[in-house]
């Protein structure tokens, strides 16, 4: 008797599972260098325009150096009155005289010039010309806020000016320039017709005052951090 073969079981082949790949895109924001450069150019343009407006009030140097207008004052009160009038009339020229004295002193002391140049560069890079949307300053393994950066700049400025010879050089040069300006103002006889327009402007509130710090205050908002 023939053996009976066992029944065949149906076999189904399942398709292999399809692997799904998910791609994640990371977007890294790129600083807008064009906007930052434009802000810095605008700041420098305002700074230059402010300087031009301030220096436009300078009187002719030939008028300042006119030896015929010099005479010795009779009293201390007369010297003080002359100085007040001349300081108001030649304020821009006298400010340039002080700046020239400071420049000559710094050129004679290269260390002081280099220290002040480095300090000015630090202020420009880290604060004045730094874009408002720039990332916080990172150094020595930590991040510094804007207030901490400003405090560090002020501390560095105080150290350079008051705890080194730079401060003595700067203050001495400014004192020499101011003394020359006051001496010239006391010995120069003011001419009333030269001050007529000046008095009218002051009375009408239209006088222009020369302020060394106006270079930065008028240029604020161009590129510095507020």
C-alpha atoms as a PDB file:
ATOM      1  CA  UNK A   1       0.000   0.000   0.000  1.00  0.00           C
ATOM      2  CA  UNK A   2       1.440   3.327  -1.050  1.00  0.00           C
ATOM      3  CA  UNK A   3       2.345   5.908   1.623  1.00  0.00           C
ATOM      4  CA  UNK A   4       0.220   9.021   1.712  1.00  0.00           C
ATOM      5  CA  UNK A   5       2.263  12.257   1.449  1.00  0.00           C
ATOM      6  CA  UNK A   6       1.496  14.955   4.024  1.00  0.00           C
ATOM      7  CA  UNK A   7      -0.569  17.938   2.818  1.00  0.00           C
ATOM      8  CA  UNK A   8       1.313  21.023   1.695  1.00  0.00           C
ATOM      9  CA  UNK A   9       0.899  24.117   3.862  1.00  0.00           C
ATOM     10  CA  UNK A  10       0.470  27.419   2.066  1.00  0.00           C
ATOM     11  CA  UNK A  11       3.430  29.697   2.546  1.00  0.00           C
ATOM     12  CA  UNK A  12       3.102  33.463   1.990  1.00  0.00           C
ATOM     13  CA  UNK A  13       6.123  35.720   1.580  1.00  0.00           C
ATOM     14  CA  UNK A  14       5.733  39.121   3.252  1.00  0.00           C
ATOM     15  CA  UNK A  15       7.413  42.102   1.543  1.00  0.00           C
ATOM     16  CA  UNK A  16      10.365  43.568   3.388  1.00  0.00           C
ATOM     17  CA  UNK A  17       9.612  46.622   5.449  1.00  0.00           C
ATOM     18  CA  UNK A  18      10.571  49.833   3.777  1.00  0.00           C
ATOM     19  CA  UNK A  19      12.855  52.007   5.885  1.00  0.00           C
ATOM     20  CA  UNK A  20      11.739  55.583   6.136  1.00  0.00           C
ATOM     21  CA  UNK A  21      14.488  58.223   6.334  1.00  0.00           C
ATOM     22  CA  UNK A  22      13.677  61.530   7.935  1.00  0.00           C
ATOM     23  CA  UNK A  23      15.902  64.489   7.033  1.00  0.00           C
ATOM     24  CA  UNK A  24      16.156  67.339   9.503  1.00  0.00           C
ATOM     25  CA  UNK A  25      17.336  70.694   8.171  1.00  0.00           C
ATOM     26  CA  UNK A  26      19.110  72.995  10.592  1.00  0.00           C
ATOM     27  CA  UNK A  27      19.082  76.621   9.588  1.00  0.00           C
ATOM     28  CA  UNK A  28      21.984  78.670  10.952  1.00  0.00           C
ATOM     29  CA  UNK A  29      21.267  82.380  10.899  1.00  0.00           C
ATOM     30  CA  UNK A  30      23.899  84.362   9.053  1.00  0.00           C
ATOM     31  CA  UNK A  31      24.630  87.863  10.309  1.00  0.00           C
ATOM     32  CA  UNK A  32      23.566  90.584   7.932  1.00  0.00           C
ATOM     33  CA  UNK A  33      27.004  92.007   7.238  1.00  0.00           C
ATOM     34  CA  UNK A  34      25.618  94.419   4.665  1.00  0.00           C
ATOM     35  CA  UNK A  35      23.320  96.048   7.236  1.00  0.00           C
ATOM     36  CA  UNK A  36      26.115  96.234   9.834  1.00  0.00           C
ATOM     37  CA  UNK A  37      28.500  97.873   7.374  1.00  0.00           C
ATOM     38  CA  UNK A  38      25.796 100.342   6.362  1.00  0.00           C
ATOM     39  CA  UNK A  39      25.179 101.270  10.015  1.00  0.00           C
ATOM     40  CA  UNK A  40      28.890 101.834  10.584  1.00  0.00           C
ATOM     41  CA  UNK A  41      29.170 104.000   7.463  1.00  0.00           C
ATOM     42  CA  UNK A  42      26.173 106.037   8.592  1.00  0.00           C
ATOM     43  CA  UNK A  43      27.727 106.506  12.038  1.00  0.00           C
ATOM     44  CA  UNK A  44      31.036 107.664  10.572  1.00  0.00           C
ATOM     45  CA  UNK A  45      29.219 109.973   8.153  1.00  0.00           C
ATOM     46  CA  UNK A  46      27.328 111.605  11.031  1.00  0.00           C
ATOM     47  CA  UNK A  47      30.564 111.903  12.981  1.00  0.00           C
ATOM     48  CA  UNK A  48      32.324 113.610  10.076  1.00  0.00           C
ATOM     49  CA  UNK A  49      29.365 115.901   9.411  1.00  0.00           C
ATOM     50  CA  UNK A  50      29.262 116.912  13.083  1.00  0.00           C
ATOM     51  CA  UNK A  51      32.983 117.695  13.033  1.00  0.00           C
ATOM     52  CA  UNK A  52      32.608 119.804   9.876  1.00  0.00           C
ATOM     53  CA  UNK A  53      29.736 121.801  11.376  1.00  0.00           C
ATOM     54  CA  UNK A  54      31.688 122.414  14.576  1.00  0.00           C
ATOM     55  CA  UNK A  55      34.853 123.487  12.777  1.00  0.00           C
ATOM     56  CA  UNK A  56      32.943 125.758  10.397  1.00  0.00           C
ATOM     57  CA  UNK A  57      32.753 128.351  13.188  1.00  0.00           C
ATOM     58  CA  UNK A  58      36.524 128.899  13.249  1.00  0.00           C
ATOM     59  CA  UNK A  59      37.636 132.495  12.796  1.00  0.00           C
ATOM     60  CA  UNK A  60      40.422 133.444  10.360  1.00  0.00           C
ATOM     61  CA  UNK A  61      43.805 132.621  11.865  1.00  0.00           C
ATOM     62  CA  UNK A  62      45.244 135.904  10.591  1.00  0.00           C
ATOM     63  CA  UNK A  63      42.715 137.672  12.783  1.00  0.00           C
ATOM     64  CA  UNK A  64      43.735 135.575  15.760  1.00  0.00           C
ATOM     65  CA  UNK A  65      47.466 136.224  15.212  1.00  0.00           C
ATOM     66  CA  UNK A  66      47.145 139.975  14.579  1.00  0.00           C
ATOM     67  CA  UNK A  67      49.894 141.461  16.741  1.00  0.00           C
ATOM     68  CA  UNK A  68      48.460 144.978  16.395  1.00  0.00           C
ATOM     69  CA  UNK A  69      45.446 143.922  18.468  1.00  0.00           C
ATOM     70  CA  UNK A  70      47.580 142.837  21.426  1.00  0.00           C
ATOM     71  CA  UNK A  71      48.151 145.082  24.427  1.00  0.00           C
ATOM     72  CA  UNK A  72      48.739 144.669  28.130  1.00  0.00           C
ATOM     73  CA  UNK A  73      45.576 144.961  30.241  1.00  0.00           C
ATOM     74  CA  UNK A  74      45.626 147.622  32.941  1.00  0.00           C
ATOM     75  CA  UNK A  75      43.778 145.624  35.589  1.00  0.00           C
ATOM     76  CA  UNK A  76      42.929 142.045  36.367  1.00  0.00           C
ATOM     77  CA  UNK A  77      39.242 142.791  35.825  1.00  0.00           C
ATOM     78  CA  UNK A  78      39.984 144.104  32.330  1.00  0.00           C
ATOM     79  CA  UNK A  79      42.020 140.987  31.545  1.00  0.00           C
ATOM     80  CA  UNK A  80      39.159 138.779  32.695  1.00  0.00           C
ATOM     81  CA  UNK A  81      36.655 140.734  30.594  1.00  0.00           C
ATOM     82  CA  UNK A  82      38.877 140.477  27.524  1.00  0.00           C
ATOM     83  CA  UNK A  83      39.352 136.761  28.061  1.00  0.00           C
ATOM     84  CA  UNK A  84      35.593 136.158  28.294  1.00  0.00           C
ATOM     85  CA  UNK A  85      34.894 138.013  25.069  1.00  0.00           C
ATOM     86  CA  UNK A  86      37.768 136.479  23.155  1.00  0.00           C
ATOM     87  CA  UNK A  87      37.045 132.963  24.409  1.00  0.00           C
ATOM     88  CA  UNK A  88      33.485 133.319  23.144  1.00  0.00           C
ATOM     89  CA  UNK A  89      34.599 134.712  19.782  1.00  0.00           C
ATOM     90  CA  UNK A  90      37.607 132.427  19.125  1.00  0.00           C
ATOM     91  CA  UNK A  91      36.212 129.338  20.901  1.00  0.00           C
ATOM     92  CA  UNK A  92      36.790 127.046  17.908  1.00  0.00           C
ATOM     93  CA  UNK A  93      40.303 128.364  17.287  1.00  0.00           C
ATOM     94  CA  UNK A  94      41.206 127.987  20.947  1.00  0.00           C
ATOM     95  CA  UNK A  95      39.827 124.435  20.971  1.00  0.00           C
ATOM     96  CA  UNK A  96      42.011 123.618  17.977  1.00  0.00           C
ATOM     97  CA  UNK A  97      44.966 125.170  19.793  1.00  0.00           C
ATOM     98  CA  UNK A  98      44.384 122.831  22.739  1.00  0.00           C
ATOM     99  CA  UNK A  99      44.040 119.887  20.342  1.00  0.00           C
ATOM    100  CA  UNK A 100      47.311 120.868  18.640  1.00  0.00           C
ATOM    101  CA  UNK A 101      49.066 120.995  22.000  1.00  0.00           C
ATOM    102  CA  UNK A 102      47.716 117.549  22.853  1.00  0.00           C
ATOM    103  CA  UNK A 103      48.754 116.117  19.483  1.00  0.00           C
ATOM    104  CA  UNK A 104      52.296 117.507  19.803  1.00  0.00           C
ATOM    105  CA  UNK A 105      52.624 116.057  23.308  1.00  0.00           C
ATOM    106  CA  UNK A 106      51.405 112.613  22.216  1.00  0.00           C
ATOM    107  CA  UNK A 107      53.778 112.564  19.236  1.00  0.00           C
ATOM    108  CA  UNK A 108      56.623 113.278  21.652  1.00  0.00           C
ATOM    109  CA  UNK A 109      55.548 110.296  23.791  1.00  0.00           C
ATOM    110  CA  UNK A 110      54.941 107.261  21.528  1.00  0.00           C
ATOM    111  CA  UNK A 111      53.914 105.001  24.427  1.00  0.00           C
ATOM    112  CA  UNK A 112      51.076 107.317  25.438  1.00  0.00           C
ATOM    113  CA  UNK A 113      50.002 107.641  21.801  1.00  0.00           C
ATOM    114  CA  UNK A 114      49.933 103.854  21.349  1.00  0.00           C
ATOM    115  CA  UNK A 115      47.987 103.359  24.598  1.00  0.00           C
ATOM    116  CA  UNK A 116      45.346 105.912  23.653  1.00  0.00           C
ATOM    117  CA  UNK A 117      45.113 104.520  20.113  1.00  0.00           C
ATOM    118  CA  UNK A 118      44.553 101.009  21.481  1.00  0.00           C
ATOM    119  CA  UNK A 119      41.941 102.316  23.894  1.00  0.00           C
ATOM    120  CA  UNK A 120      40.118 104.179  21.131  1.00  0.00           C
ATOM    121  CA  UNK A 121      40.194 101.084  18.905  1.00  0.00           C
ATOM    122  CA  UNK A 122      38.697  99.000  21.725  1.00  0.00           C
ATOM    123  CA  UNK A 123      35.878 101.486  22.216  1.00  0.00           C
ATOM    124  CA  UNK A 124      35.117 101.554  18.477  1.00  0.00           C
ATOM    125  CA  UNK A 125      35.212  97.775  17.969  1.00  0.00           C
ATOM    126  CA  UNK A 126      33.481  96.710  21.183  1.00  0.00           C
ATOM    127  CA  UNK A 127      30.957  99.520  21.642  1.00  0.00           C
ATOM    128  CA  UNK A 128      30.704 102.547  19.356  1.00  0.00           C
ATOM    129  CA  UNK A 129      30.771 100.804  15.968  1.00  0.00           C
ATOM    130  CA  UNK A 130      29.405  97.460  17.153  1.00  0.00           C
ATOM    131  CA  UNK A 131      26.076  96.536  15.488  1.00  0.00           C
ATOM    132  CA  UNK A 132      23.068  96.596  17.798  1.00  0.00           C
ATOM    133  CA  UNK A 133      22.081  93.047  16.764  1.00  0.00           C
ATOM    134  CA  UNK A 134      25.555  91.579  17.264  1.00  0.00           C
ATOM    135  CA  UNK A 135      25.976  88.502  19.456  1.00  0.00           C
ATOM    136  CA  UNK A 136      27.217  89.075  23.032  1.00  0.00           C
ATOM    137  CA  UNK A 137      30.971  89.249  23.454  1.00  0.00           C
ATOM    138  CA  UNK A 138      32.507  85.877  24.368  1.00  0.00           C
ATOM    139  CA  UNK A 139      36.005  85.643  25.877  1.00  0.00           C
ATOM    140  CA  UNK A 140      37.886  83.519  28.431  1.00  0.00           C
ATOM    141  CA  UNK A 141      35.209  80.837  28.287  1.00  0.00           C
ATOM    142  CA  UNK A 142      32.269  83.071  29.235  1.00  0.00           C
ATOM    143  CA  UNK A 143      29.825  85.490  27.652  1.00  0.00           C
ATOM    144  CA  UNK A 144      29.756  89.173  28.587  1.00  0.00           C
ATOM    145  CA  UNK A 145      26.632  91.302  28.395  1.00  0.00           C
ATOM    146  CA  UNK A 146      26.591  94.815  26.926  1.00  0.00           C
ATOM    147  CA  UNK A 147      26.628  96.322  30.418  1.00  0.00           C
ATOM    148  CA  UNK A 148      29.624  94.236  31.423  1.00  0.00           C
ATOM    149  CA  UNK A 149      31.432  95.202  28.204  1.00  0.00           C
ATOM    150  CA  UNK A 150      30.794  98.886  28.863  1.00  0.00           C
ATOM    151  CA  UNK A 151      31.977  98.517  32.446  1.00  0.00           C
ATOM    152  CA  UNK A 152      35.169  96.836  31.283  1.00  0.00           C
ATOM    153  CA  UNK A 153      35.848  99.635  28.797  1.00  0.00           C
ATOM    154  CA  UNK A 154      35.303 102.283  31.468  1.00  0.00           C
ATOM    155  CA  UNK A 155      37.601 100.436  33.864  1.00  0.00           C
ATOM    156  CA  UNK A 156      40.299 100.112  31.196  1.00  0.00           C
ATOM    157  CA  UNK A 157      39.975 103.821  30.355  1.00  0.00           C
ATOM    158  CA  UNK A 158      40.287 104.805  34.020  1.00  0.00           C
ATOM    159  CA  UNK A 159      43.344 102.576  34.418  1.00  0.00           C
ATOM    160  CA  UNK A 160      45.097 104.008  31.343  1.00  0.00           C
ATOM    161  CA  UNK A 161      44.297 107.640  32.143  1.00  0.00           C
ATOM    162  CA  UNK A 162      44.684 107.749  35.938  1.00  0.00           C
ATOM    163  CA  UNK A 163      47.095 104.939  36.820  1.00  0.00           C
ATOM    164  CA  UNK A 164      49.726 105.388  34.105  1.00  0.00           C
ATOM    165  CA  UNK A 165      51.793 108.268  32.784  1.00  0.00           C
ATOM    166  CA  UNK A 166      49.296 108.752  29.958  1.00  0.00           C
ATOM    167  CA  UNK A 167      46.992 110.809  32.176  1.00  0.00           C
ATOM    168  CA  UNK A 168      49.782 113.136  33.225  1.00  0.00           C
ATOM    169  CA  UNK A 169      50.837 113.681  29.618  1.00  0.00           C
ATOM    170  CA  UNK A 170      47.289 114.365  28.462  1.00  0.00           C
ATOM    171  CA  UNK A 171      46.370 116.705  31.319  1.00  0.00           C
ATOM    172  CA  UNK A 172      49.651 118.612  31.018  1.00  0.00           C
ATOM    173  CA  UNK A 173      49.172 119.137  27.282  1.00  0.00           C
ATOM    174  CA  UNK A 174      45.586 120.303  27.750  1.00  0.00           C
ATOM    175  CA  UNK A 175      46.667 122.667  30.539  1.00  0.00           C
ATOM    176  CA  UNK A 176      49.388 124.195  28.339  1.00  0.00           C
ATOM    177  CA  UNK A 177      46.952 124.717  25.459  1.00  0.00           C
ATOM    178  CA  UNK A 178      44.329 126.226  27.762  1.00  0.00           C
ATOM    179  CA  UNK A 179      46.910 128.536  29.351  1.00  0.00           C
ATOM    180  CA  UNK A 180      47.986 129.806  25.932  1.00  0.00           C
ATOM    181  CA  UNK A 181      44.367 130.396  24.946  1.00  0.00           C
ATOM    182  CA  UNK A 182      43.608 132.296  28.164  1.00  0.00           C
ATOM    183  CA  UNK A 183      46.780 134.382  27.857  1.00  0.00           C
ATOM    184  CA  UNK A 184      45.951 135.330  24.281  1.00  0.00           C
ATOM    185  CA  UNK A 185      42.380 136.181  25.262  1.00  0.00           C
ATOM    186  CA  UNK A 186      43.573 138.408  28.101  1.00  0.00           C
ATOM    187  CA  UNK A 187      46.088 140.342  25.969  1.00  0.00           C
ATOM    188  CA  UNK A 188      43.981 140.749  22.821  1.00  0.00           C
ATOM    189  CA  UNK A 189      41.873 143.891  22.699  1.00  0.00           C
ATOM    190  CA  UNK A 190      38.342 142.887  21.595  1.00  0.00           C
ATOM    191  CA  UNK A 191      36.875 145.003  18.837  1.00  0.00           C
ATOM    192  CA  UNK A 192      33.209 145.763  19.403  1.00  0.00           C
ATOM    193  CA  UNK A 193      32.223 145.430  15.746  1.00  0.00           C
ATOM    194  CA  UNK A 194      33.566 141.883  15.685  1.00  0.00           C
ATOM    195  CA  UNK A 195      31.143 140.871  18.427  1.00  0.00           C
ATOM    196  CA  UNK A 196      28.017 142.641  17.135  1.00  0.00           C
ATOM    197  CA  UNK A 197      26.701 139.660  15.181  1.00  0.00           C
ATOM    198  CA  UNK A 198      27.742 137.331  17.985  1.00  0.00           C
ATOM    199  CA  UNK A 199      25.730 139.269  20.576  1.00  0.00           C
ATOM    200  CA  UNK A 200      22.671 139.299  18.328  1.00  0.00           C
ATOM    201  CA  UNK A 201      22.869 135.534  17.897  1.00  0.00           C
ATOM    202  CA  UNK A 202      23.225 134.941  21.641  1.00  0.00           C
ATOM    203  CA  UNK A 203      20.310 137.283  22.428  1.00  0.00           C
ATOM    204  CA  UNK A 204      18.118 135.506  19.899  1.00  0.00           C
ATOM    205  CA  UNK A 205      19.088 132.041  21.096  1.00  0.00           C
ATOM    206  CA  UNK A 206      20.810 131.228  17.830  1.00  0.00           C
ATOM    207  CA  UNK A 207      24.372 131.050  19.087  1.00  0.00           C
ATOM    208  CA  UNK A 208      26.401 128.014  18.182  1.00  0.00           C
ATOM    209  CA  UNK A 209      28.521 126.450  20.920  1.00  0.00           C
ATOM    210  CA  UNK A 210      31.490 124.289  20.198  1.00  0.00           C
ATOM    211  CA  UNK A 211      31.393 121.090  22.201  1.00  0.00           C
ATOM    212  CA  UNK A 212      34.035 118.425  21.747  1.00  0.00           C
ATOM    213  CA  UNK A 213      31.601 115.714  22.876  1.00  0.00           C
ATOM    214  CA  UNK A 214      29.026 116.780  20.263  1.00  0.00           C
ATOM    215  CA  UNK A 215      30.961 114.687  17.738  1.00  0.00           C
ATOM    216  CA  UNK A 216      29.574 111.564  19.428  1.00  0.00           C
ATOM    217  CA  UNK A 217      26.245 112.845  20.688  1.00  0.00           C
ATOM    218  CA  UNK A 218      25.211 114.105  17.271  1.00  0.00           C
ATOM    219  CA  UNK A 219      26.320 110.878  15.633  1.00  0.00           C
ATOM    220  CA  UNK A 220      24.525 108.616  18.114  1.00  0.00           C
ATOM    221  CA  UNK A 221      22.129 106.251  16.473  1.00  0.00           C
ATOM    222  CA  UNK A 222      24.270 105.686  13.402  1.00  0.00           C
ATOM    223  CA  UNK A 223      25.895 102.473  14.441  1.00  0.00           C
ATOM    224  CA  UNK A 224      26.675 102.476  18.134  1.00  0.00           C
ATOM    225  CA  UNK A 225      24.854 100.414  20.705  1.00  0.00           C
ATOM    226  CA  UNK A 226      22.105 102.279  22.481  1.00  0.00           C
END
